[in-house]
Amino acid sequence: MEIERLEEKGVTVVAVRGVINFGESARQFSSYLADLLDAGVPAVLVDMSGIDHVDSTGLGELVGYLQRFEKEGRRLALLRPHRRILSLLRLTRLDEIFLIFEERSEAIEALQTSD
């Protein structure tokens, strides 16, 4: 799994490529999100367009960090999950708790902090 980070208009965009599943990739992803949370990042957009597969462990990490971000008044959203992953999010009804975007510009606008 590879993770690339960039900042766009006050939103941290995290592009993930590969697989997020039980084991090292889930730990790596979790550690990365924990670092962003500890750094006080106000909004994170996880670009999922490069993710091939997410298992229940990966989904659990996403849900856990969504709750942690929201508890601190911050935002976490998903961008362009593949059709298979989107189907899984719908099946588990996680599409009802996550902000999910198809367009990056729309996601950035929705997540920008209001000063």
Protein backbone atom coordinates (compact mmCIF):
# COMPACT_ATOMS: atom_id res chain seq x y z
CA MET A 1 0.00 0.00 0.00
CA GLU A 2 1.21 3.49 -0.88
CA ILE A 3 0.01 6.73 0.70
CA GLU A 4 0.53 10.17 -0.77
CA ARG A 5 -0.47 13.40 0.96
CA LEU A 6 -1.10 16.90 -0.30
CA GLU A 7 -2.84 19.99 0.98
CA GLU A 8 -5.53 21.73 -1.03
CA LYS A 9 -7.36 24.81 0.27
CA GLY A 10 -7.04 23.76 3.92
CA VAL A 11 -8.01 20.13 3.28
CA THR A 12 -5.53 17.28 3.59
CA VAL A 13 -5.98 14.91 0.66
CA VAL A 14 -4.69 11.41 1.28
CA ALA A 15 -4.38 9.31 -1.87
CA VAL A 16 -4.15 5.62 -1.06
CA ARG A 17 -3.13 2.97 -3.59
CA GLY A 18 -3.24 -0.77 -3.11
CA VAL A 19 -5.13 -2.85 -0.57
CA ILE A 20 -6.32 -2.05 2.95
CA ASN A 21 -6.88 -5.27 4.83
CA PHE A 22 -6.06 -7.20 7.97
CA GLY A 23 -2.39 -6.97 8.79
CA GLU A 24 0.33 -4.53 7.87
CA SER A 25 -1.64 -2.37 5.43
CA ALA A 26 -4.43 -1.74 7.96
CA ARG A 27 -1.85 -0.88 10.62
CA GLN A 28 -0.04 1.46 8.23
CA PHE A 29 -3.27 3.19 7.24
CA SER A 30 -4.38 3.47 10.86
CA SER A 31 -1.03 4.91 11.91
CA TYR A 32 -1.19 7.48 9.11
CA LEU A 33 -4.69 8.63 10.13
CA ALA A 34 -3.61 8.74 13.79
CA ASP A 35 -0.70 11.01 12.87
CA LEU A 36 -3.09 13.36 11.02
CA LEU A 37 -5.42 13.40 14.01
CA ASP A 38 -2.52 14.10 16.40
CA ALA A 39 -1.28 16.89 14.12
CA GLY A 40 -4.62 18.68 14.42
CA VAL A 41 -5.52 18.40 10.74
CA PRO A 42 -9.06 19.86 10.46
CA ALA A 43 -10.29 17.97 7.38
CA VAL A 44 -9.14 14.83 5.58
CA LEU A 45 -10.29 13.58 2.20
CA VAL A 46 -9.31 9.96 1.58
CA ASP A 47 -8.95 9.46 -2.17
CA MET A 48 -9.95 5.82 -2.62
CA SER A 49 -9.70 5.72 -6.42
CA GLY A 50 -6.45 3.74 -6.17
CA ILE A 51 -7.64 1.23 -3.59
CA ASP A 52 -8.16 -2.25 -5.03
CA HIS A 53 -9.72 -3.88 -1.99
CA VAL A 54 -10.86 -3.08 1.54
CA ASP A 55 -11.78 -5.82 3.99
CA SER A 56 -13.70 -5.55 7.25
CA THR A 57 -10.54 -4.54 9.13
CA GLY A 58 -9.95 -1.66 6.72
CA LEU A 59 -13.57 -0.58 6.97
CA GLY A 60 -13.33 -0.78 10.75
CA GLU A 61 -10.32 1.53 10.71
CA LEU A 62 -12.19 4.04 8.54
CA VAL A 63 -15.25 4.00 10.81
CA GLY A 64 -13.12 4.32 13.94
CA TYR A 65 -11.26 7.32 12.59
CA LEU A 66 -14.44 8.92 11.30
CA GLN A 67 -15.76 8.80 14.87
CA ARG A 68 -12.50 10.13 16.32
CA PHE A 69 -12.37 13.01 13.83
CA GLU A 70 -16.03 13.93 14.44
CA LYS A 71 -15.57 13.76 18.22
CA GLU A 72 -12.92 16.48 17.88
CA GLY A 73 -15.05 18.60 15.54
CA ARG A 74 -13.06 17.65 12.47
CA ARG A 75 -14.08 16.06 9.18
CA LEU A 76 -13.18 12.90 7.28
CA ALA A 77 -14.65 12.06 3.88
CA LEU A 78 -14.12 9.59 1.05
CA LEU A 79 -13.43 10.33 -2.59
CA ARG A 80 -14.15 8.08 -5.56
CA PRO A 81 -14.37 4.61 -4.05
CA HIS A 82 -14.40 1.90 -6.74
CA ARG A 83 -17.80 0.43 -7.57
CA ARG A 84 -17.04 -2.74 -5.57
CA ILE A 85 -16.08 -0.76 -2.48
CA LEU A 86 -19.06 1.57 -2.87
CA SER A 87 -21.33 -1.49 -3.04
CA LEU A 88 -19.76 -2.77 0.18
CA LEU A 89 -20.29 0.63 1.84
CA ARG A 90 -23.94 0.54 0.76
CA LEU A 91 -24.43 -3.06 1.87
CA THR A 92 -23.09 -2.23 5.33
CA ARG A 93 -24.98 1.09 5.32
CA LEU A 94 -21.73 2.94 5.90
CA ASP A 95 -22.65 5.18 2.99
CA GLU A 96 -25.12 6.76 5.41
CA ILE A 97 -22.42 7.88 7.85
CA PHE A 98 -19.58 8.82 5.50
CA LEU A 99 -19.52 11.81 3.22
CA ILE A 100 -18.71 10.23 -0.15
CA PHE A 101 -17.79 12.33 -3.17
CA GLU A 102 -17.17 11.61 -6.84
CA GLU A 103 -15.74 15.05 -7.63
CA ARG A 104 -12.62 16.28 -5.86
CA SER A 105 -13.51 19.98 -6.18
CA GLU A 106 -16.93 19.36 -4.62
CA ALA A 107 -15.34 17.43 -1.76
CA ILE A 108 -12.73 20.15 -1.11
CA GLU A 109 -15.42 22.81 -1.06
CA ALA A 110 -17.59 20.82 1.36
CA LEU A 111 -14.68 20.12 3.72
CA GLN A 112 -13.07 23.54 3.80
CA THR A 113 -12.88 25.07 7.22
CA SER A 114 -14.90 28.20 7.73
CA ASP A 115 -12.79 30.98 9.21
